[in-house]
N, C-alpha and C. Protein backbone atom coordinates (compact mmCIF):
# COMPACT_ATOMS: atom_id res chain seq x y z
N UNK A 1 -4.00 7.87 14.68
CA UNK A 1 -2.96 8.53 13.90
C UNK A 1 -3.57 9.77 13.29
N UNK A 2 -3.62 10.85 14.03
CA UNK A 2 -4.27 12.06 13.57
C UNK A 2 -3.33 13.09 12.99
N UNK A 3 -2.05 12.92 13.15
CA UNK A 3 -1.12 13.88 12.57
C UNK A 3 0.16 13.16 12.17
N UNK A 4 1.00 13.89 11.48
CA UNK A 4 2.25 13.30 11.00
C UNK A 4 3.22 13.04 12.14
N UNK A 5 3.06 13.68 13.26
CA UNK A 5 4.05 13.57 14.33
C UNK A 5 3.70 12.51 15.36
N UNK A 6 2.45 12.08 15.41
CA UNK A 6 2.05 11.08 16.40
C UNK A 6 2.25 9.68 15.87
N UNK A 7 2.52 8.77 16.78
CA UNK A 7 2.61 7.36 16.43
C UNK A 7 1.21 6.84 16.16
N UNK A 8 1.07 5.85 15.29
CA UNK A 8 -0.24 5.24 15.07
C UNK A 8 -0.78 4.68 16.38
N UNK A 9 -2.08 4.62 16.47
CA UNK A 9 -2.74 4.26 17.72
C UNK A 9 -2.57 2.81 18.13
N UNK A 10 -2.39 1.92 17.18
CA UNK A 10 -2.36 0.49 17.52
C UNK A 10 -1.07 -0.17 17.04
N UNK A 11 -0.71 -1.27 17.69
CA UNK A 11 0.45 -2.03 17.21
C UNK A 11 0.26 -2.51 15.77
N UNK A 12 -0.97 -2.89 15.41
CA UNK A 12 -1.24 -3.33 14.04
C UNK A 12 -0.94 -2.21 13.05
N UNK A 13 -1.40 -1.00 13.33
CA UNK A 13 -1.15 0.13 12.43
C UNK A 13 0.34 0.41 12.32
N UNK A 14 1.07 0.29 13.41
CA UNK A 14 2.52 0.50 13.36
C UNK A 14 3.18 -0.56 12.47
N UNK A 15 2.74 -1.82 12.60
CA UNK A 15 3.29 -2.89 11.75
C UNK A 15 2.97 -2.62 10.29
N UNK A 16 1.75 -2.19 10.01
CA UNK A 16 1.35 -1.89 8.63
C UNK A 16 2.26 -0.82 8.04
N UNK A 17 2.48 0.26 8.75
CA UNK A 17 3.32 1.34 8.23
C UNK A 17 4.76 0.88 8.03
N UNK A 18 5.26 0.05 8.93
CA UNK A 18 6.62 -0.48 8.78
C UNK A 18 6.72 -1.31 7.50
N UNK A 19 5.72 -2.14 7.25
CA UNK A 19 5.72 -2.98 6.05
C UNK A 19 5.62 -2.12 4.80
N UNK A 20 4.73 -1.16 4.79
CA UNK A 20 4.54 -0.32 3.60
C UNK A 20 5.82 0.46 3.29
N UNK A 21 6.54 0.90 4.30
CA UNK A 21 7.82 1.59 4.06
C UNK A 21 8.83 0.69 3.35
N UNK A 22 8.69 -0.61 3.46
CA UNK A 22 9.63 -1.57 2.85
C UNK A 22 9.30 -1.93 1.41
N UNK A 23 8.12 -1.53 0.92
CA UNK A 23 7.77 -1.85 -0.46
C UNK A 23 8.70 -1.04 -1.37
N UNK A 24 9.48 -1.71 -2.21
CA UNK A 24 10.45 -0.98 -3.05
C UNK A 24 9.78 -0.12 -4.12
N UNK A 25 10.45 0.95 -4.54
CA UNK A 25 9.93 1.73 -5.66
C UNK A 25 9.73 0.84 -6.88
N UNK A 26 8.65 1.09 -7.60
CA UNK A 26 8.36 0.31 -8.79
C UNK A 26 7.69 -1.02 -8.50
N UNK A 27 7.34 -1.26 -7.25
CA UNK A 27 6.66 -2.49 -6.84
C UNK A 27 5.42 -2.11 -6.04
N UNK A 28 4.47 -3.03 -5.92
CA UNK A 28 3.25 -2.80 -5.17
C UNK A 28 2.92 -4.04 -4.34
N UNK A 29 2.10 -3.85 -3.32
CA UNK A 29 1.55 -4.95 -2.53
C UNK A 29 0.06 -4.70 -2.40
N UNK A 30 -0.71 -5.75 -2.26
CA UNK A 30 -2.14 -5.58 -2.07
C UNK A 30 -2.43 -5.31 -0.59
N UNK A 31 -3.63 -4.80 -0.34
CA UNK A 31 -4.05 -4.61 1.05
C UNK A 31 -3.97 -5.95 1.79
N UNK A 32 -4.35 -7.03 1.13
CA UNK A 32 -4.27 -8.36 1.73
C UNK A 32 -2.86 -8.82 1.98
N UNK A 33 -1.94 -8.50 1.05
CA UNK A 33 -0.53 -8.85 1.25
C UNK A 33 0.00 -8.17 2.51
N UNK A 34 -0.30 -6.88 2.64
CA UNK A 34 0.19 -6.13 3.80
C UNK A 34 -0.43 -6.67 5.08
N UNK A 35 -1.73 -6.99 5.04
CA UNK A 35 -2.39 -7.55 6.22
C UNK A 35 -1.72 -8.86 6.65
N UNK A 36 -1.44 -9.73 5.68
CA UNK A 36 -0.80 -11.01 5.99
C UNK A 36 0.59 -10.79 6.57
N UNK A 37 1.35 -9.89 5.98
CA UNK A 37 2.69 -9.61 6.49
C UNK A 37 2.66 -9.00 7.89
N UNK A 38 1.55 -8.31 8.21
CA UNK A 38 1.39 -7.70 9.54
C UNK A 38 0.83 -8.69 10.55
N UNK A 39 0.61 -9.95 10.12
CA UNK A 39 0.16 -10.98 11.03
C UNK A 39 -1.35 -11.11 11.16
N UNK A 40 -2.10 -10.39 10.32
CA UNK A 40 -3.55 -10.45 10.36
C UNK A 40 -4.09 -10.65 8.94
N UNK A 41 -4.00 -11.86 8.39
CA UNK A 41 -4.32 -12.09 6.98
C UNK A 41 -5.74 -11.74 6.55
N UNK A 42 -6.66 -11.62 7.49
CA UNK A 42 -8.04 -11.28 7.14
C UNK A 42 -8.34 -9.79 7.34
N UNK A 43 -7.33 -8.99 7.55
CA UNK A 43 -7.53 -7.58 7.91
C UNK A 43 -7.23 -6.61 6.77
N UNK A 44 -7.55 -6.98 5.54
CA UNK A 44 -7.24 -6.08 4.41
C UNK A 44 -7.99 -4.77 4.51
N UNK A 45 -9.23 -4.78 4.97
CA UNK A 45 -9.98 -3.52 5.13
C UNK A 45 -9.33 -2.64 6.18
N UNK A 46 -8.83 -3.25 7.24
CA UNK A 46 -8.14 -2.47 8.28
C UNK A 46 -6.88 -1.82 7.71
N UNK A 47 -6.17 -2.53 6.83
CA UNK A 47 -5.01 -1.94 6.16
C UNK A 47 -5.46 -0.74 5.34
N UNK A 48 -6.57 -0.88 4.63
CA UNK A 48 -7.10 0.23 3.85
C UNK A 48 -7.40 1.44 4.73
N UNK A 49 -7.93 1.20 5.91
CA UNK A 49 -8.21 2.30 6.82
C UNK A 49 -6.94 2.97 7.30
N UNK A 50 -5.91 2.19 7.57
CA UNK A 50 -4.62 2.77 7.97
C UNK A 50 -4.07 3.62 6.82
N UNK A 51 -4.17 3.10 5.59
CA UNK A 51 -3.67 3.85 4.43
C UNK A 51 -4.48 5.14 4.23
N UNK A 52 -5.78 5.07 4.43
CA UNK A 52 -6.64 6.24 4.24
C UNK A 52 -6.28 7.36 5.21
N UNK A 53 -5.92 6.99 6.42
CA UNK A 53 -5.60 7.99 7.45
C UNK A 53 -4.15 8.45 7.43
N UNK A 54 -3.31 7.75 6.71
CA UNK A 54 -1.87 8.04 6.74
C UNK A 54 -1.53 9.27 5.92
N UNK A 55 -0.88 10.21 6.55
CA UNK A 55 -0.37 11.40 5.85
C UNK A 55 1.12 11.57 6.13
N UNK A 56 1.73 10.54 6.62
CA UNK A 56 3.15 10.62 7.00
C UNK A 56 4.06 10.66 5.78
N UNK A 57 4.97 11.61 5.75
CA UNK A 57 5.97 11.58 4.68
C UNK A 57 6.83 10.33 4.83
N UNK A 58 7.24 9.77 3.75
CA UNK A 58 8.09 8.59 3.81
C UNK A 58 7.33 7.28 3.85
N UNK A 59 6.01 7.33 3.86
CA UNK A 59 5.21 6.11 3.80
C UNK A 59 4.56 6.08 2.41
N UNK A 60 5.03 5.20 1.54
CA UNK A 60 4.53 5.18 0.16
C UNK A 60 3.18 4.47 0.04
N UNK A 61 2.14 5.08 0.58
CA UNK A 61 0.81 4.48 0.58
C UNK A 61 0.31 4.17 -0.82
N UNK A 62 0.81 4.91 -1.81
CA UNK A 62 0.37 4.68 -3.19
C UNK A 62 0.79 3.30 -3.69
N UNK A 63 1.72 2.66 -3.03
CA UNK A 63 2.18 1.33 -3.46
C UNK A 63 1.31 0.19 -2.94
N UNK A 64 0.26 0.52 -2.22
CA UNK A 64 -0.68 -0.48 -1.74
C UNK A 64 -1.92 -0.41 -2.62
N UNK A 65 -2.24 -1.54 -3.26
CA UNK A 65 -3.32 -1.57 -4.25
C UNK A 65 -4.30 -2.68 -3.91
N UNK A 66 -5.40 -2.68 -4.64
CA UNK A 66 -6.43 -3.68 -4.45
C UNK A 66 -6.05 -5.02 -5.05
N UNK A 67 -6.84 -6.02 -4.69
CA UNK A 67 -6.63 -7.38 -5.20
C UNK A 67 -6.68 -7.37 -6.72
N UNK A 68 -5.84 -8.17 -7.32
CA UNK A 68 -5.82 -8.29 -8.77
C UNK A 68 -5.21 -7.10 -9.48
N UNK A 69 -4.61 -6.18 -8.73
CA UNK A 69 -3.95 -5.04 -9.35
C UNK A 69 -4.83 -3.83 -9.58
N UNK A 70 -5.98 -3.78 -8.93
CA UNK A 70 -6.82 -2.58 -9.03
C UNK A 70 -6.20 -1.47 -8.19
N UNK A 71 -6.43 -0.22 -8.62
CA UNK A 71 -5.86 0.90 -7.88
C UNK A 71 -6.36 0.94 -6.43
N UNK A 72 -7.56 0.50 -6.19
CA UNK A 72 -8.09 0.51 -4.83
C UNK A 72 -8.92 1.74 -4.56
N UNK A 73 -9.65 1.70 -3.48
CA UNK A 73 -10.60 2.77 -3.20
C UNK A 73 -10.16 3.77 -2.17
N UNK A 74 -8.97 3.64 -1.62
CA UNK A 74 -8.52 4.57 -0.59
C UNK A 74 -7.56 5.58 -1.18
N UNK A 75 -7.76 6.84 -0.86
CA UNK A 75 -6.88 7.89 -1.34
C UNK A 75 -7.32 8.45 -2.68
N UNK A 76 -6.60 9.44 -3.13
CA UNK A 76 -6.87 10.10 -4.41
C UNK A 76 -6.31 9.21 -5.52
N UNK A 77 -7.19 8.63 -6.31
CA UNK A 77 -6.76 7.68 -7.33
C UNK A 77 -5.91 8.33 -8.41
N UNK A 78 -6.18 9.57 -8.75
CA UNK A 78 -5.38 10.24 -9.77
C UNK A 78 -3.95 10.45 -9.27
N UNK A 79 -3.81 10.83 -8.01
CA UNK A 79 -2.48 11.00 -7.43
C UNK A 79 -1.77 9.65 -7.36
N UNK A 80 -2.49 8.62 -6.90
CA UNK A 80 -1.92 7.28 -6.80
C UNK A 80 -1.43 6.82 -8.17
N UNK A 81 -2.26 6.99 -9.19
CA UNK A 81 -1.89 6.62 -10.56
C UNK A 81 -0.64 7.36 -10.99
N UNK A 82 -0.59 8.67 -10.77
CA UNK A 82 0.57 9.47 -11.17
C UNK A 82 1.85 9.03 -10.49
N UNK A 83 1.78 8.74 -9.19
CA UNK A 83 2.97 8.29 -8.46
C UNK A 83 3.44 6.94 -8.95
N UNK A 84 2.51 6.03 -9.22
CA UNK A 84 2.89 4.70 -9.72
C UNK A 84 3.50 4.81 -11.11
N UNK A 85 2.91 5.62 -11.97
CA UNK A 85 3.46 5.82 -13.32
C UNK A 85 4.86 6.41 -13.24
N UNK A 86 5.06 7.37 -12.32
CA UNK A 86 6.38 7.98 -12.15
C UNK A 86 7.42 6.95 -11.72
N UNK A 87 6.98 5.87 -11.07
CA UNK A 87 7.89 4.80 -10.66
C UNK A 87 8.04 3.73 -11.73
N UNK A 88 7.44 3.94 -12.89
CA UNK A 88 7.61 3.01 -13.99
C UNK A 88 6.54 1.93 -14.09
N UNK A 89 5.47 2.04 -13.32
CA UNK A 89 4.39 1.07 -13.37
C UNK A 89 3.33 1.58 -14.34
N UNK A 90 2.97 0.76 -15.30
CA UNK A 90 1.97 1.14 -16.28
C UNK A 90 0.58 0.84 -15.73
N UNK A 91 -0.32 1.82 -15.85
CA UNK A 91 -1.69 1.66 -15.38
C UNK A 91 -2.61 1.80 -16.58
N UNK A 92 -3.44 0.80 -16.78
CA UNK A 92 -4.39 0.82 -17.89
C UNK A 92 -5.79 0.81 -17.27
N UNK A 93 -6.53 1.86 -17.52
CA UNK A 93 -7.84 1.98 -16.88
C UNK A 93 -7.67 2.09 -15.38
N UNK A 94 -8.21 1.13 -14.67
CA UNK A 94 -8.16 1.12 -13.21
C UNK A 94 -7.25 0.00 -12.68
N UNK A 95 -6.45 -0.60 -13.58
CA UNK A 95 -5.62 -1.75 -13.18
C UNK A 95 -4.16 -1.55 -13.58
N UNK A 96 -3.30 -2.22 -12.83
CA UNK A 96 -1.88 -2.19 -13.14
C UNK A 96 -1.58 -3.20 -14.24
N UNK A 97 -0.85 -2.77 -15.23
CA UNK A 97 -0.43 -3.67 -16.31
C UNK A 97 0.66 -4.59 -15.77
N UNK A 98 0.57 -5.87 -16.09
CA UNK A 98 1.54 -6.87 -15.64
C UNK A 98 1.67 -6.85 -14.11
N UNK A 99 0.52 -6.91 -13.47
CA UNK A 99 0.45 -6.85 -12.01
C UNK A 99 1.37 -7.87 -11.34
N UNK A 100 1.35 -9.11 -11.81
CA UNK A 100 2.16 -10.15 -11.18
C UNK A 100 3.65 -9.81 -11.20
N UNK A 101 4.08 -9.09 -12.23
CA UNK A 101 5.50 -8.75 -12.36
C UNK A 101 5.93 -7.65 -11.39
N UNK A 102 4.99 -6.82 -10.94
CA UNK A 102 5.35 -5.72 -10.04
C UNK A 102 4.87 -5.96 -8.61
N UNK A 103 4.22 -7.08 -8.39
CA UNK A 103 3.71 -7.37 -7.04
C UNK A 103 4.84 -7.79 -6.11
N UNK A 104 4.85 -7.18 -4.93
CA UNK A 104 5.82 -7.48 -3.88
C UNK A 104 5.06 -8.13 -2.74
N UNK A 105 5.49 -9.29 -2.32
CA UNK A 105 4.81 -10.01 -1.25
C UNK A 105 5.70 -10.16 -0.02
N UNK A 106 6.63 -9.28 0.10
CA UNK A 106 7.49 -9.31 1.27
C UNK A 106 8.90 -9.73 0.92
N UNK A 107 9.79 -9.60 1.88
CA UNK A 107 11.18 -9.97 1.64
C UNK A 107 11.33 -11.46 1.40
N UNK A 108 12.22 -11.80 0.54
CA UNK A 108 12.50 -13.22 0.28
C UNK A 108 13.28 -13.76 1.47
N UNK A 109 12.85 -14.91 1.97
CA UNK A 109 13.52 -15.51 3.12
C UNK A 109 14.50 -16.57 2.69
């Protein structure tokens, strides 16, 4: 996935982007949550790599955070913090306040 116009290189990356597009505003998912929803529960680092390379408009990569509500190490953390705050999520230090309340783990079945 080297540009905004090309499709991601792998089916896994395509699934990851589809899932991330579904995270509602004001909610977040962890890299592990996205990996599990994409069918690869042990692939959280791979999700991070997809997020790091993603520059596609319409993919809210800022809504993917580290375990326990940490901002995570991929992307510009100041930008990520600003986007999350703009969506009403409070960030204290390097963590999301009331993480469990804003965590999205996929659509309810």
